[in-house]
N, C-alpha and C. Protein backbone atom coordinates (compact mmCIF):
# COMPACT_ATOMS: atom_id res chain seq x y z
N LEU A 1 -101.16 24.02 -44.86
CA LEU A 1 -102.39 24.10 -45.61
C LEU A 1 -102.18 23.79 -47.08
N SER A 2 -101.15 24.40 -47.65
CA SER A 2 -100.92 24.16 -49.08
C SER A 2 -100.42 22.74 -49.33
N TYR A 3 -99.87 22.10 -48.30
CA TYR A 3 -99.36 20.73 -48.47
C TYR A 3 -100.48 19.73 -48.69
N THR A 4 -101.70 20.09 -48.31
CA THR A 4 -102.83 19.18 -48.47
C THR A 4 -103.45 19.29 -49.85
N GLY A 5 -102.95 20.24 -50.63
CA GLY A 5 -103.49 20.43 -51.97
C GLY A 5 -104.54 21.52 -52.04
N ASP A 6 -104.85 22.13 -50.92
CA ASP A 6 -105.81 23.23 -50.92
C ASP A 6 -105.22 24.43 -51.63
N GLU A 7 -106.07 25.17 -52.32
CA GLU A 7 -105.65 26.41 -52.95
C GLU A 7 -106.04 27.56 -52.04
N ILE A 8 -105.03 28.27 -51.56
CA ILE A 8 -105.28 29.41 -50.68
C ILE A 8 -105.42 30.65 -51.54
N LYS A 9 -106.57 31.29 -51.46
CA LYS A 9 -106.83 32.48 -52.28
C LYS A 9 -106.60 33.76 -51.48
N ALA A 10 -106.83 33.71 -50.20
CA ALA A 10 -106.66 34.91 -49.36
C ALA A 10 -106.59 34.49 -47.91
N VAL A 11 -105.97 35.34 -47.13
CA VAL A 11 -105.92 35.14 -45.69
C VAL A 11 -106.35 36.46 -45.06
N GLU A 12 -107.34 36.40 -44.20
CA GLU A 12 -107.82 37.58 -43.52
C GLU A 12 -107.94 37.27 -42.04
N GLY A 13 -107.71 38.26 -41.22
CA GLY A 13 -107.88 38.05 -39.80
C GLY A 13 -107.37 39.20 -38.98
N VAL A 14 -107.60 39.09 -37.70
CA VAL A 14 -107.09 40.05 -36.73
C VAL A 14 -105.82 39.44 -36.16
N PHE A 15 -104.71 40.10 -36.36
CA PHE A 15 -103.44 39.54 -35.93
C PHE A 15 -102.95 40.13 -34.62
N SER A 16 -103.62 41.16 -34.12
CA SER A 16 -103.25 41.74 -32.83
C SER A 16 -104.50 42.15 -32.07
N GLY A 17 -104.87 41.33 -31.11
CA GLY A 17 -106.00 41.67 -30.26
C GLY A 17 -105.74 42.93 -29.47
N THR A 18 -104.48 43.14 -29.08
CA THR A 18 -104.13 44.34 -28.32
C THR A 18 -104.38 45.60 -29.13
N VAL A 19 -103.86 45.62 -30.35
CA VAL A 19 -104.03 46.80 -31.20
C VAL A 19 -105.51 47.02 -31.52
N THR A 20 -106.24 45.95 -31.73
CA THR A 20 -107.67 46.07 -32.00
C THR A 20 -108.39 46.66 -30.79
N PHE A 21 -108.04 46.18 -29.59
CA PHE A 21 -108.64 46.71 -28.37
C PHE A 21 -108.32 48.20 -28.22
N LEU A 22 -107.05 48.56 -28.44
CA LEU A 22 -106.65 49.96 -28.32
C LEU A 22 -107.40 50.84 -29.32
N ALA A 23 -107.48 50.40 -30.56
CA ALA A 23 -108.16 51.18 -31.59
C ALA A 23 -109.64 51.34 -31.27
N SER A 24 -110.27 50.28 -30.81
CA SER A 24 -111.69 50.35 -30.46
C SER A 24 -111.92 51.29 -29.28
N SER A 25 -111.05 51.21 -28.29
CA SER A 25 -111.17 52.09 -27.13
C SER A 25 -111.00 53.55 -27.53
N MET A 26 -110.01 53.81 -28.36
CA MET A 26 -109.74 55.18 -28.79
C MET A 26 -110.87 55.71 -29.67
N GLU A 27 -111.44 54.83 -30.47
CA GLU A 27 -112.57 55.22 -31.32
C GLU A 27 -113.75 55.67 -30.46
N ASN A 28 -113.84 55.11 -29.26
CA ASN A 28 -114.91 55.47 -28.32
C ASN A 28 -114.52 56.62 -27.40
N GLY A 29 -113.39 57.27 -27.70
CA GLY A 29 -113.01 58.46 -26.97
C GLY A 29 -112.01 58.27 -25.84
N THR A 30 -111.56 57.06 -25.62
CA THR A 30 -110.60 56.81 -24.55
C THR A 30 -109.21 57.25 -24.99
N PRO A 31 -108.51 58.04 -24.18
CA PRO A 31 -107.15 58.42 -24.53
C PRO A 31 -106.24 57.19 -24.63
N PHE A 32 -105.25 57.26 -25.50
CA PHE A 32 -104.36 56.13 -25.76
C PHE A 32 -103.72 55.59 -24.47
N ALA A 33 -103.20 56.47 -23.63
CA ALA A 33 -102.54 56.03 -22.40
C ALA A 33 -103.51 55.26 -21.49
N VAL A 34 -104.74 55.73 -21.39
CA VAL A 34 -105.75 55.07 -20.57
C VAL A 34 -106.11 53.71 -21.17
N ALA A 35 -106.27 53.66 -22.48
CA ALA A 35 -106.58 52.41 -23.16
C ALA A 35 -105.45 51.39 -23.00
N LEU A 36 -104.21 51.87 -23.07
CA LEU A 36 -103.06 50.99 -22.91
C LEU A 36 -103.03 50.40 -21.50
N GLN A 37 -103.25 51.23 -20.49
CA GLN A 37 -103.27 50.73 -19.11
C GLN A 37 -104.41 49.72 -18.93
N ASP A 38 -105.57 50.02 -19.50
CA ASP A 38 -106.72 49.12 -19.41
C ASP A 38 -106.42 47.78 -20.07
N ALA A 39 -105.81 47.82 -21.24
CA ALA A 39 -105.45 46.58 -21.95
C ALA A 39 -104.48 45.75 -21.12
N TYR A 40 -103.51 46.42 -20.53
CA TYR A 40 -102.54 45.72 -19.69
C TYR A 40 -103.23 45.12 -18.46
N ASP A 41 -104.06 45.91 -17.79
CA ASP A 41 -104.76 45.44 -16.59
C ASP A 41 -105.64 44.23 -16.88
N LYS A 42 -106.20 44.17 -18.10
CA LYS A 42 -107.07 43.06 -18.49
C LYS A 42 -106.28 41.86 -19.01
N GLY A 43 -104.95 42.00 -19.10
CA GLY A 43 -104.12 40.89 -19.55
C GLY A 43 -104.07 40.73 -21.06
N PHE A 44 -104.45 41.78 -21.80
CA PHE A 44 -104.46 41.69 -23.26
C PHE A 44 -103.09 41.90 -23.88
N THR A 45 -102.20 42.59 -23.18
CA THR A 45 -100.89 42.92 -23.76
C THR A 45 -99.84 41.88 -23.39
N GLU A 46 -98.73 41.97 -24.10
CA GLU A 46 -97.55 41.22 -23.70
C GLU A 46 -97.07 41.81 -22.37
N PRO A 47 -96.24 41.08 -21.61
CA PRO A 47 -95.71 41.65 -20.36
C PRO A 47 -95.05 43.02 -20.59
N ASP A 48 -94.38 43.18 -21.71
CA ASP A 48 -93.86 44.48 -22.12
C ASP A 48 -94.71 44.92 -23.31
N PRO A 49 -95.67 45.82 -23.09
CA PRO A 49 -96.59 46.21 -24.17
C PRO A 49 -95.91 46.77 -25.41
N ARG A 50 -94.67 47.18 -25.30
CA ARG A 50 -93.97 47.66 -26.48
C ARG A 50 -93.87 46.56 -27.53
N ASN A 51 -93.88 45.29 -27.09
CA ASN A 51 -93.83 44.18 -28.04
C ASN A 51 -95.10 44.08 -28.86
N ASP A 52 -96.20 44.59 -28.34
CA ASP A 52 -97.44 44.67 -29.13
C ASP A 52 -97.42 45.89 -30.03
N LEU A 53 -96.88 46.98 -29.52
CA LEU A 53 -96.96 48.26 -30.23
C LEU A 53 -95.89 48.44 -31.30
N ASN A 54 -94.80 47.70 -31.21
CA ASN A 54 -93.73 47.89 -32.20
C ASN A 54 -93.93 47.07 -33.47
N GLY A 55 -94.97 46.26 -33.52
CA GLY A 55 -95.30 45.50 -34.73
C GLY A 55 -94.63 44.14 -34.85
N MET A 56 -93.71 43.84 -33.95
CA MET A 56 -92.98 42.57 -34.09
C MET A 56 -93.86 41.36 -33.77
N ASP A 57 -94.81 41.50 -32.86
CA ASP A 57 -95.71 40.39 -32.54
C ASP A 57 -96.50 39.98 -33.78
N VAL A 58 -97.02 40.97 -34.49
CA VAL A 58 -97.77 40.69 -35.72
C VAL A 58 -96.83 40.13 -36.78
N ALA A 59 -95.63 40.67 -36.90
CA ALA A 59 -94.67 40.18 -37.90
C ALA A 59 -94.37 38.69 -37.67
N ARG A 60 -94.17 38.32 -36.42
CA ARG A 60 -93.89 36.90 -36.11
C ARG A 60 -95.07 36.01 -36.48
N LYS A 61 -96.28 36.48 -36.19
CA LYS A 61 -97.48 35.70 -36.53
C LYS A 61 -97.61 35.56 -38.05
N LEU A 62 -97.31 36.62 -38.78
CA LEU A 62 -97.38 36.55 -40.25
C LEU A 62 -96.37 35.55 -40.81
N VAL A 63 -95.19 35.52 -40.23
CA VAL A 63 -94.16 34.58 -40.70
C VAL A 63 -94.62 33.14 -40.44
N ILE A 64 -95.17 32.89 -39.27
CA ILE A 64 -95.68 31.53 -38.96
C ILE A 64 -96.75 31.14 -39.96
N LEU A 65 -97.69 32.04 -40.22
CA LEU A 65 -98.76 31.76 -41.17
C LEU A 65 -98.21 31.54 -42.57
N ALA A 66 -97.29 32.40 -43.00
CA ALA A 66 -96.70 32.27 -44.33
C ALA A 66 -95.99 30.93 -44.48
N ARG A 67 -95.28 30.52 -43.47
CA ARG A 67 -94.58 29.23 -43.52
C ARG A 67 -95.57 28.07 -43.62
N GLU A 68 -96.69 28.20 -42.90
CA GLU A 68 -97.72 27.16 -42.99
C GLU A 68 -98.34 27.11 -44.38
N LEU A 69 -98.26 28.22 -45.10
CA LEU A 69 -98.77 28.28 -46.47
C LEU A 69 -97.72 27.84 -47.49
N GLY A 70 -96.55 27.43 -46.98
CA GLY A 70 -95.51 26.92 -47.87
C GLY A 70 -94.50 27.96 -48.32
N MET A 71 -94.54 29.14 -47.78
CA MET A 71 -93.60 30.20 -48.18
C MET A 71 -92.34 30.11 -47.32
N GLU A 72 -91.24 30.44 -47.92
CA GLU A 72 -90.00 30.54 -47.17
C GLU A 72 -89.76 32.00 -46.85
N CYS A 73 -89.78 32.34 -45.57
CA CYS A 73 -89.57 33.74 -45.19
C CYS A 73 -89.13 33.81 -43.74
N SER A 74 -88.70 35.01 -43.36
CA SER A 74 -88.31 35.27 -41.97
C SER A 74 -88.87 36.63 -41.56
N VAL A 75 -88.74 36.96 -40.30
CA VAL A 75 -89.25 38.23 -39.80
C VAL A 75 -88.63 39.40 -40.55
N GLU A 76 -87.38 39.24 -40.97
CA GLU A 76 -86.71 40.31 -41.70
C GLU A 76 -87.38 40.61 -43.03
N ASP A 77 -88.18 39.68 -43.55
CA ASP A 77 -88.87 39.86 -44.82
C ASP A 77 -90.18 40.65 -44.68
N VAL A 78 -90.59 40.90 -43.44
CA VAL A 78 -91.87 41.58 -43.20
C VAL A 78 -91.62 43.06 -42.95
N GLU A 79 -92.31 43.89 -43.70
CA GLU A 79 -92.21 45.33 -43.48
C GLU A 79 -93.06 45.69 -42.26
N VAL A 80 -92.42 46.26 -41.25
CA VAL A 80 -93.08 46.54 -39.99
C VAL A 80 -93.18 48.05 -39.76
N GLU A 81 -94.36 48.50 -39.38
CA GLU A 81 -94.56 49.89 -38.99
C GLU A 81 -94.93 49.93 -37.53
N SER A 82 -94.07 50.51 -36.73
CA SER A 82 -94.28 50.58 -35.30
C SER A 82 -95.27 51.67 -34.94
N LEU A 83 -96.06 51.43 -33.91
CA LEU A 83 -96.94 52.45 -33.36
C LEU A 83 -96.20 53.32 -32.36
N LEU A 84 -94.98 52.92 -32.03
CA LEU A 84 -94.16 53.67 -31.09
C LEU A 84 -93.30 54.69 -31.83
N GLY A 85 -93.19 55.86 -31.27
CA GLY A 85 -92.26 56.83 -31.82
C GLY A 85 -90.84 56.40 -31.51
N ASP A 86 -89.88 57.06 -32.12
CA ASP A 86 -88.47 56.71 -31.92
C ASP A 86 -88.07 56.75 -30.45
N GLU A 87 -88.59 57.75 -29.72
CA GLU A 87 -88.22 57.89 -28.31
C GLU A 87 -88.65 56.68 -27.50
N LEU A 88 -89.89 56.21 -27.69
CA LEU A 88 -90.37 55.06 -26.92
C LEU A 88 -89.78 53.75 -27.42
N ALA A 89 -89.46 53.68 -28.68
CA ALA A 89 -88.89 52.44 -29.23
C ALA A 89 -87.54 52.13 -28.59
N SER A 90 -86.77 53.16 -28.28
CA SER A 90 -85.44 52.95 -27.70
C SER A 90 -85.41 53.18 -26.19
N TRP A 91 -86.51 53.57 -25.61
CA TRP A 91 -86.60 53.89 -24.18
C TRP A 91 -86.48 52.63 -23.34
N GLU A 92 -85.80 52.76 -22.22
CA GLU A 92 -85.72 51.69 -21.23
C GLU A 92 -86.20 52.24 -19.90
N PRO A 93 -87.04 51.51 -19.19
CA PRO A 93 -87.56 51.99 -17.91
C PRO A 93 -86.45 52.04 -16.86
N SER A 94 -86.65 52.89 -15.85
CA SER A 94 -85.67 52.97 -14.78
C SER A 94 -85.69 51.72 -13.93
N ASP A 95 -86.83 51.04 -13.89
CA ASP A 95 -86.98 49.81 -13.11
C ASP A 95 -87.95 48.90 -13.86
N ARG A 96 -87.54 47.69 -14.18
CA ARG A 96 -88.39 46.78 -14.98
C ARG A 96 -89.75 46.53 -14.32
N LYS A 97 -89.80 46.54 -13.00
CA LYS A 97 -91.09 46.27 -12.35
C LYS A 97 -92.08 47.42 -12.55
N ASP A 98 -91.58 48.60 -12.89
CA ASP A 98 -92.44 49.75 -13.14
C ASP A 98 -92.59 50.05 -14.63
N LEU A 99 -92.21 49.10 -15.48
CA LEU A 99 -92.19 49.31 -16.93
C LEU A 99 -93.53 49.85 -17.44
N VAL A 100 -94.62 49.17 -17.13
CA VAL A 100 -95.92 49.56 -17.67
C VAL A 100 -96.34 50.92 -17.12
N LYS A 101 -96.15 51.13 -15.84
CA LYS A 101 -96.49 52.43 -15.23
C LYS A 101 -95.73 53.57 -15.90
N GLU A 102 -94.43 53.38 -16.10
CA GLU A 102 -93.62 54.40 -16.74
C GLU A 102 -93.99 54.58 -18.22
N LEU A 103 -94.25 53.45 -18.90
CA LEU A 103 -94.63 53.53 -20.31
C LEU A 103 -95.93 54.29 -20.48
N VAL A 104 -96.92 53.98 -19.66
CA VAL A 104 -98.21 54.66 -19.75
C VAL A 104 -98.04 56.15 -19.46
N ALA A 105 -97.18 56.50 -18.49
CA ALA A 105 -96.93 57.90 -18.20
C ALA A 105 -96.29 58.60 -19.40
N LYS A 106 -95.31 57.95 -20.03
CA LYS A 106 -94.65 58.55 -21.20
C LYS A 106 -95.65 58.72 -22.35
N VAL A 107 -96.49 57.71 -22.57
CA VAL A 107 -97.49 57.80 -23.64
C VAL A 107 -98.44 58.95 -23.34
N GLY A 108 -98.84 59.07 -22.07
CA GLY A 108 -99.74 60.14 -21.67
C GLY A 108 -99.14 61.52 -21.87
N GLU A 109 -97.80 61.60 -21.80
CA GLU A 109 -97.10 62.87 -22.03
C GLU A 109 -96.94 63.18 -23.51
N GLY A 110 -97.29 62.21 -24.35
CA GLY A 110 -97.18 62.41 -25.79
C GLY A 110 -95.87 61.97 -26.38
N ALA A 111 -95.12 61.11 -25.66
CA ALA A 111 -93.84 60.62 -26.18
C ALA A 111 -94.04 59.70 -27.35
C-alpha cells in the first residue's frame, strides 16, 4: 500500500473472527466452553482452537499487514496476550483426535 504513494493514517479491523464470535456469544450469556464448541462446530476456529486463543493467529496477520505497509517486522516484534491460562497453553491432549472435546472440557472446568 505504501509503495503506491498512499499515505496510511490508520488501520482498523477485526483480526480474529473466532475471538469476535466468542465475545459476542459470551456477551449474550453463553458460557465460554459452549461458545468455543459452537465456534468449532461451525468451522470458525483453527483445527486446534488454541491457535486462535493464544493470540498467534492475530500476531501473524498483523505482521503480514505491517509488511504490506512497508514495515520490517516479525512475529517476535508483536506483543501477544493469550486468552489461554498457563495450564491450557502448555496442555497436550491425550489423543489428537479428541483435542477439541478435551479442550472444551478443560475450559468448562475453568482451566
